[in-house]
């Protein structure tokens, strides 16, 4: 479209007015940098949040007894290990299921009592809740069958009990109960104390719950489906199994993280659109600036245009020259804006955790350069067309 001579003339024209060209492309620089940063921040933050939720378990279903329509609850309403076994057998999409029961006990350290959340768990709790064993081991079949007085503790609780020692194999007295620490664990993705796992939590075999709590009811159960897309079906079928095994008045709340995931994706999408509109406004303003400057340029270079036409330059060549100037301004500005955005993204990595990356998506670079160049062409067409329509005779007489 643009011949070599057209490129040379356009480049010489911009070089002759460096400051004007720079100020004109400044809006494009800001607009293109905004596009790259908006898409980068939006995708990075949404991926991080979704990754956190999926780390807890995108295919996780959980539930508990919330009450019934009568004034009192019956003991038969409570969820039992038999219910969990029935769910495992009757819902084929369930890969694993576990239950927990919480007991509040105190840890006495140097005369100061500290509340500890003791949670009785089944053996599959490690797999279903996606925990990480930092040191030691997890409960084995012997611990469960023999009701061994062993426990798993959080890093914080281990540090409190044995600040400068290895806690594995040492005893931990909680209230009047004495346990042996066999492992230290943490959540793979922190739930920030919004689950049964807090900073000071000790896990014990579920078989000990009846001894210390008086019953073996499951307060909350967790089940994992084979695939994330099976979660809605699993949620519905688990509810049906529980209702079929208990009286009609019992009310069970069975939930999953699908609604939260959908909400996060919707919020991220809406935020991206809003920020892109803002970036688009910046590019629109820069496009108007390009058009205004190019109109001034056409007026200033009327005699030059007349001379070029007088020596044989065609209308299309004049049109191409001014379109190319607008394209060079917008393209150069877009490139500078992309480089600035990439530099800022790289700069922020040093202030973020090591596991948090801020990659610049290639789609944001393509979009920023493409939209910026298109803006230059669209807003540069009117001045270019005006220049191309000038008559040589009138142009040569213009002062």
Protein backbone atom coordinates (compact mmCIF):
# COMPACT_ATOMS: atom_id res chain seq x y z
CA UNK A 1 0.00 0.00 0.00
CA UNK A 2 2.75 2.46 0.97
CA UNK A 3 5.73 2.75 -1.38
CA UNK A 4 9.26 3.37 -0.13
CA UNK A 5 9.18 7.01 -1.23
CA UNK A 6 5.96 7.55 0.73
CA UNK A 7 7.63 6.13 3.85
CA UNK A 8 10.61 8.44 3.39
CA UNK A 9 8.51 11.57 2.93
CA UNK A 10 6.30 10.72 5.91
CA UNK A 11 9.30 10.02 8.13
CA UNK A 12 11.01 13.27 7.12
CA UNK A 13 7.81 15.21 7.87
CA UNK A 14 7.58 13.76 11.39
CA UNK A 15 11.28 14.22 12.03
CA UNK A 16 10.99 17.89 11.12
CA UNK A 17 8.42 18.34 13.92
CA UNK A 18 9.70 16.00 16.63
CA UNK A 19 8.11 17.74 19.60
CA UNK A 20 4.70 17.98 17.93
CA UNK A 21 4.84 14.32 16.90
CA UNK A 22 5.83 13.27 20.42
CA UNK A 23 3.06 15.26 22.09
CA UNK A 24 0.56 13.87 19.58
CA UNK A 25 1.53 10.27 20.26
CA UNK A 26 1.52 10.79 24.05
CA UNK A 27 -2.19 10.03 24.25
CA UNK A 28 -1.66 6.83 22.25
CA UNK A 29 1.15 5.83 24.63
CA UNK A 30 -1.13 6.26 27.64
CA UNK A 31 -4.08 4.53 25.98
CA UNK A 32 -2.14 1.49 24.73
CA UNK A 33 -0.33 1.12 28.08
CA UNK A 34 -3.72 1.22 29.82
CA UNK A 35 -5.07 -1.54 27.58
CA UNK A 36 -2.11 -3.83 28.29
CA UNK A 37 -2.15 -3.14 32.03
CA UNK A 38 -5.93 -3.50 32.31
CA UNK A 39 -5.97 -6.89 30.59
CA UNK A 40 -2.87 -8.04 32.51
CA UNK A 41 -4.25 -7.04 35.91
CA UNK A 42 -7.71 -8.41 35.14
CA UNK A 43 -6.53 -11.80 33.87
CA UNK A 44 -3.84 -12.16 36.54
CA UNK A 45 -6.15 -11.32 39.43
CA UNK A 46 -9.01 -13.50 38.16
CA UNK A 47 -6.63 -16.42 37.52
CA UNK A 48 -5.19 -16.00 41.02
CA UNK A 49 -8.59 -15.91 42.72
CA UNK A 50 -9.91 -18.81 40.67
CA UNK A 51 -6.68 -20.72 41.37
CA UNK A 52 -7.15 -20.15 45.10
CA UNK A 53 -10.72 -21.44 44.96
CA UNK A 54 -9.74 -24.40 42.79
CA UNK A 55 -6.88 -25.10 45.21
CA UNK A 56 -9.47 -25.60 47.93
CA UNK A 57 -11.36 -27.81 45.50
CA UNK A 58 -13.25 -26.91 42.35
CA UNK A 59 -14.85 -30.37 42.54
CA UNK A 60 -15.59 -30.13 46.26
CA UNK A 61 -19.10 -30.58 47.70
CA UNK A 62 -19.74 -29.98 51.39
CA UNK A 63 -22.74 -30.04 53.66
CA UNK A 64 -24.13 -30.18 57.17
CA UNK A 65 -27.33 -30.39 59.19
CA UNK A 66 -28.80 -26.92 59.61
CA UNK A 67 -31.96 -27.80 61.52
CA UNK A 68 -35.50 -28.89 60.81
CA UNK A 69 -38.97 -27.47 60.60
CA UNK A 70 -39.82 -28.63 64.11
CA UNK A 71 -38.77 -26.90 67.30
CA UNK A 72 -36.26 -29.55 68.32
CA UNK A 73 -33.75 -31.71 66.50
CA UNK A 74 -33.81 -35.45 66.81
CA UNK A 75 -30.65 -37.48 67.29
CA UNK A 76 -31.59 -39.40 64.15
CA UNK A 77 -31.29 -36.16 62.11
CA UNK A 78 -27.54 -36.02 62.63
CA UNK A 79 -25.25 -37.14 59.82
CA UNK A 80 -23.41 -40.35 60.60
CA UNK A 81 -20.53 -42.32 59.13
CA UNK A 82 -23.17 -44.70 57.76
CA UNK A 83 -24.63 -41.79 55.79
CA UNK A 84 -21.22 -41.05 54.30
CA UNK A 85 -20.83 -44.70 53.34
CA UNK A 86 -24.27 -44.66 51.69
CA UNK A 87 -23.35 -41.53 49.72
CA UNK A 88 -20.14 -43.20 48.53
CA UNK A 89 -22.09 -46.23 47.33
CA UNK A 90 -25.15 -44.52 45.84
CA UNK A 91 -23.48 -41.56 44.11
CA UNK A 92 -21.05 -43.02 41.57
CA UNK A 93 -19.45 -39.66 40.75
CA UNK A 94 -18.12 -39.31 44.31
CA UNK A 95 -14.42 -40.21 44.40
CA UNK A 96 -13.89 -39.73 48.14
CA UNK A 97 -15.88 -38.48 51.11
CA UNK A 98 -14.87 -37.48 54.61
CA UNK A 99 -16.43 -36.08 57.76
CA UNK A 100 -15.34 -34.00 60.71
CA UNK A 101 -16.46 -33.20 64.25
CA UNK A 102 -15.06 -30.27 66.22
CA UNK A 103 -14.24 -30.16 69.92
CA UNK A 104 -12.99 -27.06 71.69
CA UNK A 105 -10.16 -27.75 74.17
CA UNK A 106 -7.52 -25.61 75.84
CA UNK A 107 -3.74 -25.73 75.69
CA UNK A 108 -1.95 -24.56 78.83
CA UNK A 109 1.40 -22.91 78.08
CA UNK A 110 3.36 -21.46 80.97
CA UNK A 111 0.20 -20.82 82.93
CA UNK A 112 -1.63 -19.22 80.01
CA UNK A 113 -4.64 -21.06 78.55
CA UNK A 114 -5.10 -20.96 74.80
CA UNK A 115 -8.16 -22.25 72.93
CA UNK A 116 -7.39 -25.01 70.45
CA UNK A 117 -9.80 -26.27 67.83
CA UNK A 118 -9.62 -30.08 67.95
CA UNK A 119 -11.16 -31.74 64.89
CA UNK A 120 -11.91 -35.42 64.62
CA UNK A 121 -11.44 -36.50 60.98
CA UNK A 122 -11.72 -39.67 58.94
CA UNK A 123 -8.72 -41.07 57.09
CA UNK A 124 -9.69 -39.63 53.68
CA UNK A 125 -9.72 -36.09 55.12
CA UNK A 126 -6.14 -35.51 53.91
CA UNK A 127 -7.07 -36.27 50.30
CA UNK A 128 -10.43 -34.53 50.21
CA UNK A 129 -9.37 -31.33 51.99
CA UNK A 130 -6.17 -31.16 49.96
CA UNK A 131 -3.85 -30.80 52.96
CA UNK A 132 -0.06 -30.76 52.87
CA UNK A 133 1.95 -32.79 55.41
CA UNK A 134 5.01 -30.68 56.17
CA UNK A 135 6.61 -33.08 58.59
CA UNK A 136 5.84 -36.49 60.00
CA UNK A 137 3.01 -38.67 58.68
CA UNK A 138 -0.75 -38.89 58.32
CA UNK A 139 -3.04 -41.18 60.30
CA UNK A 140 -2.88 -44.83 59.23
CA UNK A 141 -5.42 -47.67 59.51
CA UNK A 142 -4.01 -48.71 62.88
CA UNK A 143 -4.57 -45.23 64.35
CA UNK A 144 -8.19 -45.27 63.24
CA UNK A 145 -9.01 -48.81 64.29
CA UNK A 146 -7.22 -48.71 67.64
CA UNK A 147 -8.32 -45.17 68.49
CA UNK A 148 -4.73 -44.11 68.96
CA UNK A 149 -4.23 -40.89 70.87
CA UNK A 150 -2.28 -39.19 68.11
CA UNK A 151 -2.76 -35.81 66.46
CA UNK A 152 -1.75 -33.64 63.52
CA UNK A 153 -1.09 -29.99 64.35
CA UNK A 154 -0.79 -26.76 62.37
CA UNK A 155 2.57 -25.01 62.00
CA UNK A 156 1.50 -22.24 64.35
CA UNK A 157 0.34 -24.63 67.07
CA UNK A 158 3.54 -26.68 66.74
CA UNK A 159 5.60 -23.51 67.14
CA UNK A 160 3.66 -22.53 70.25
CA UNK A 161 4.02 -25.91 71.92
CA UNK A 162 7.66 -26.54 70.93
CA UNK A 163 9.17 -23.28 69.65
CA UNK A 164 12.78 -24.49 69.35
CA UNK A 165 12.32 -28.25 69.14
CA UNK A 166 11.10 -30.90 66.76
CA UNK A 167 7.50 -31.61 67.89
CA UNK A 168 7.18 -34.95 66.09
CA UNK A 169 6.82 -37.75 68.64
CA UNK A 170 6.31 -35.35 71.54
CA UNK A 171 3.18 -35.13 73.62
CA UNK A 172 0.55 -32.41 73.51
CA UNK A 173 -1.84 -32.00 76.42
CA UNK A 174 -5.18 -30.51 75.41
CA UNK A 175 -7.45 -30.07 78.39
CA UNK A 176 -7.28 -33.38 80.29
CA UNK A 177 -6.29 -35.30 77.14
CA UNK A 178 -2.78 -36.21 76.13
CA UNK A 179 -1.90 -36.81 72.47
CA UNK A 180 1.27 -37.69 70.59
CA UNK A 181 2.11 -35.39 67.69
CA UNK A 182 2.70 -37.49 64.55
CA UNK A 183 2.54 -34.80 61.87
CA UNK A 184 2.52 -31.10 61.04
CA UNK A 185 0.17 -29.94 58.29
CA UNK A 186 -1.16 -26.90 56.50
CA UNK A 187 -3.86 -26.16 53.98
CA UNK A 188 -2.60 -26.18 50.40
CA UNK A 189 -4.59 -23.00 49.86
CA UNK A 190 -5.42 -20.99 52.95
CA UNK A 191 -9.11 -20.56 53.80
CA UNK A 192 -8.18 -17.74 56.24
CA UNK A 193 -9.96 -19.38 59.15
CA UNK A 194 -13.27 -19.64 57.28
CA UNK A 195 -13.31 -23.43 57.64
CA UNK A 196 -12.81 -25.74 60.62
CA UNK A 197 -9.04 -25.29 60.23
CA UNK A 198 -7.73 -22.26 62.12
CA UNK A 199 -4.24 -21.17 63.15
CA UNK A 200 -4.39 -23.38 66.24
CA UNK A 201 -5.95 -26.63 65.10
CA UNK A 202 -5.23 -30.22 66.05
CA UNK A 203 -6.63 -33.11 64.01
CA UNK A 204 -7.37 -36.41 65.76
CA UNK A 205 -8.79 -39.75 64.50
CA UNK A 206 -12.56 -39.58 64.12
CA UNK A 207 -12.90 -42.77 66.15
CA UNK A 208 -11.86 -40.78 69.25
CA UNK A 209 -14.76 -38.34 68.86
CA UNK A 210 -17.33 -40.56 70.55
CA UNK A 211 -15.03 -41.00 73.54
CA UNK A 212 -14.53 -37.27 74.13
CA UNK A 213 -17.65 -35.68 72.57
CA UNK A 214 -20.25 -38.25 73.56
CA UNK A 215 -21.41 -39.02 70.01
CA UNK A 216 -20.01 -39.83 66.56
CA UNK A 217 -22.10 -37.42 64.51
CA UNK A 218 -20.55 -35.69 61.51
CA UNK A 219 -20.83 -31.93 61.79
CA UNK A 220 -19.61 -31.22 58.26
CA UNK A 221 -18.85 -33.62 55.42
CA UNK A 222 -16.77 -33.06 52.30
CA UNK A 223 -17.02 -35.04 49.07
CA UNK A 224 -15.01 -34.78 45.87
CA UNK A 225 -16.48 -35.54 42.47
CA UNK A 226 -14.65 -37.22 39.62
CA UNK A 227 -14.86 -34.09 37.46
CA UNK A 228 -15.69 -30.43 38.20
CA UNK A 229 -18.60 -30.56 35.74
CA UNK A 230 -20.19 -33.33 37.84
CA UNK A 231 -20.41 -31.08 40.92
CA UNK A 232 -24.02 -29.87 40.37
CA UNK A 233 -25.21 -33.46 39.89
CA UNK A 234 -23.29 -34.68 42.93
CA UNK A 235 -24.68 -31.83 45.05
CA UNK A 236 -28.23 -32.72 44.10
CA UNK A 237 -27.81 -36.49 44.53
CA UNK A 238 -26.13 -36.17 47.94
CA UNK A 239 -29.06 -34.06 49.13
CA UNK A 240 -31.47 -36.72 47.92
CA UNK A 241 -29.53 -39.50 49.67
CA UNK A 242 -29.55 -37.62 52.99
CA UNK A 243 -33.28 -36.88 52.73
CA UNK A 244 -34.04 -40.50 51.93
CA UNK A 245 -32.16 -41.71 55.02
CA UNK A 246 -33.68 -39.24 57.51
CA UNK A 247 -37.09 -37.98 58.43
CA UNK A 248 -38.71 -35.39 56.19
CA UNK A 249 -38.38 -32.58 58.75
CA UNK A 250 -34.59 -32.63 58.73
CA UNK A 251 -32.93 -29.81 56.76
CA UNK A 252 -29.52 -30.41 55.18
CA UNK A 253 -27.47 -27.74 53.47
CA UNK A 254 -25.35 -29.18 50.66
CA UNK A 255 -23.22 -26.66 48.77
CA UNK A 256 -20.28 -26.36 46.38
CA UNK A 257 -17.85 -23.69 45.23
CA UNK A 258 -19.36 -23.43 41.76
CA UNK A 259 -21.42 -20.36 42.61
CA UNK A 260 -18.35 -18.58 44.01
CA UNK A 261 -16.32 -19.46 40.90
CA UNK A 262 -19.08 -18.16 38.63
CA UNK A 263 -19.36 -14.95 40.66
CA UNK A 264 -15.60 -14.35 40.50
CA UNK A 265 -15.57 -14.87 36.73
CA UNK A 266 -18.53 -12.50 36.28
CA UNK A 267 -16.94 -9.81 38.46
CA UNK A 268 -13.61 -10.15 36.63
CA UNK A 269 -15.36 -9.89 33.27
CA UNK A 270 -17.35 -6.83 34.27
CA UNK A 271 -14.26 -5.14 35.73
CA UNK A 272 -12.31 -5.82 32.54
CA UNK A 273 -15.04 -4.29 30.40
CA UNK A 274 -15.22 -1.16 32.57
CA UNK A 275 -11.45 -0.66 32.55
CA UNK A 276 -11.25 -1.29 28.79
CA UNK A 277 -13.91 1.38 28.25
CA UNK A 278 -11.73 3.79 30.21
CA UNK A 279 -8.71 2.83 28.10
CA UNK A 280 -10.85 3.22 24.98
CA UNK A 281 -11.79 6.75 26.03
CA UNK A 282 -8.08 7.56 26.39
CA UNK A 283 -7.46 6.27 22.86
CA UNK A 284 -10.46 8.21 21.55
CA UNK A 285 -9.05 11.41 23.00
CA UNK A 286 -5.65 10.63 21.51
CA UNK A 287 -7.32 9.95 18.13
CA UNK A 288 -9.01 13.33 18.22
CA UNK A 289 -5.62 14.84 19.04
CA UNK A 290 -4.07 13.09 16.03
CA UNK A 291 -6.85 14.41 13.78
CA UNK A 292 -6.46 17.98 15.05
CA UNK A 293 -2.68 17.98 14.63
CA UNK A 294 -2.93 16.41 11.18
CA UNK A 295 -5.47 19.06 10.11
CA UNK A 296 -3.06 21.76 11.27
CA UNK A 297 -0.25 19.98 9.44
CA UNK A 298 -2.26 19.86 6.21
CA UNK A 299 -2.90 23.59 6.46
CA UNK A 300 0.77 24.36 7.13
CA UNK A 301 1.92 22.15 4.25
CA UNK A 302 -0.60 23.33 1.64
CA UNK A 303 2.12 24.74 -0.66
CA UNK A 304 4.15 21.53 -0.32
CA UNK A 305 1.10 19.51 -1.35
CA UNK A 306 0.53 21.83 -4.32
CA UNK A 307 4.14 21.45 -5.48
CA UNK A 308 3.97 17.65 -5.20
CA UNK A 309 0.77 17.57 -7.23
CA UNK A 310 2.21 19.98 -9.77
CA UNK A 311 5.16 17.65 -10.44
CA UNK A 312 2.88 14.64 -10.90
CA UNK A 313 1.95 13.24 -7.47
CA UNK A 314 -1.39 11.45 -7.64
CA UNK A 315 -4.28 11.92 -5.21
CA UNK A 316 -3.75 8.42 -3.79
CA UNK A 317 -0.07 9.13 -3.05
CA UNK A 318 -0.95 12.27 -1.06
CA UNK A 319 -3.65 10.30 0.79
CA UNK A 320 -1.19 7.49 1.56
CA UNK A 321 1.45 9.90 2.82
CA UNK A 322 -0.77 11.53 5.44
CA UNK A 323 -2.36 8.22 6.43
CA UNK A 324 1.14 6.81 6.89
CA UNK A 325 2.12 9.73 9.11
CA UNK A 326 -0.93 9.09 11.32
CA UNK A 327 -0.12 5.36 11.35
CA UNK A 328 3.50 6.01 12.30
CA UNK A 329 2.42 8.27 15.17
CA UNK A 330 -0.12 5.78 16.53
CA UNK A 331 2.05 2.70 15.88
CA UNK A 332 5.12 4.20 17.54
CA UNK A 333 3.03 5.42 20.47
CA UNK A 334 1.45 1.97 20.86
CA UNK A 335 4.86 0.28 20.85
CA UNK A 336 6.19 2.66 23.50
CA UNK A 337 3.03 2.16 25.56
CA UNK A 338 3.34 -1.64 25.39
CA UNK A 339 7.00 -1.46 26.47
CA UNK A 340 6.12 0.81 29.41
CA UNK A 341 3.31 -1.53 30.47
CA UNK A 342 5.61 -4.57 30.24
CA UNK A 343 8.23 -2.75 32.31
CA UNK A 344 5.69 -1.84 35.00
CA UNK A 345 4.42 -5.43 35.09
CA UNK A 346 7.98 -6.72 35.50
CA UNK A 347 8.66 -4.10 38.18
CA UNK A 348 5.69 -5.23 40.30
CA UNK A 349 6.96 -8.83 40.40
CA UNK A 350 9.65 -7.85 42.90
CA UNK A 351 6.95 -6.65 45.34
CA UNK A 352 4.78 -9.76 45.06
CA UNK A 353 5.13 -13.26 46.55
CA UNK A 354 7.37 -15.64 44.62
CA UNK A 355 4.42 -17.84 43.64
CA UNK A 356 2.48 -14.89 42.20
CA UNK A 357 3.38 -14.19 38.57
CA UNK A 358 2.24 -11.25 36.45
CA UNK A 359 2.60 -12.37 32.84
CA UNK A 360 1.72 -9.91 30.07
CA UNK A 361 -0.81 -11.74 27.85
CA UNK A 362 0.07 -11.66 24.15
CA UNK A 363 -3.56 -10.85 23.36
CA UNK A 364 -3.22 -7.57 25.28
CA UNK A 365 -0.18 -6.58 23.19
CA UNK A 366 -1.90 -7.43 19.90
CA UNK A 367 -5.07 -5.63 20.98
CA UNK A 368 -3.22 -2.51 22.16
CA UNK A 369 -1.18 -2.15 18.96
CA UNK A 370 -4.09 -3.07 16.69
CA UNK A 371 -6.58 -0.69 18.30
CA UNK A 372 -4.02 2.13 18.47
CA UNK A 373 -3.07 1.78 14.79
CA UNK A 374 -6.73 1.59 13.81
CA UNK A 375 -7.39 4.74 15.83
CA UNK A 376 -4.60 6.52 13.96
CA UNK A 377 -5.94 5.44 10.56
CA UNK A 378 -9.56 6.31 11.35
CA UNK A 379 -8.83 9.75 12.77
CA UNK A 380 -6.08 10.41 10.25
CA UNK A 381 -8.32 9.75 7.26
CA UNK A 382 -10.17 13.09 7.37
CA UNK A 383 -6.97 15.23 7.28
CA UNK A 384 -5.41 12.89 4.69
CA UNK A 385 -8.50 13.04 2.50
CA UNK A 386 -8.58 16.82 2.81
CA UNK A 387 -4.94 17.03 1.75
CA UNK A 388 -5.54 14.70 -1.20
CA UNK A 389 -8.45 16.85 -2.46
CA UNK A 390 -6.47 20.11 -2.55
CA UNK A 391 -6.14 21.58 -6.03
CA UNK A 392 -2.53 22.35 -7.19
CA UNK A 393 -3.43 25.83 -8.43
CA UNK A 394 -5.04 26.90 -5.16
CA UNK A 395 -2.31 25.24 -3.08
CA UNK A 396 0.51 27.11 -4.87
CA UNK A 397 -1.20 30.45 -4.23
CA UNK A 398 -1.78 29.68 -0.53
CA UNK A 399 0.12 31.84 1.98
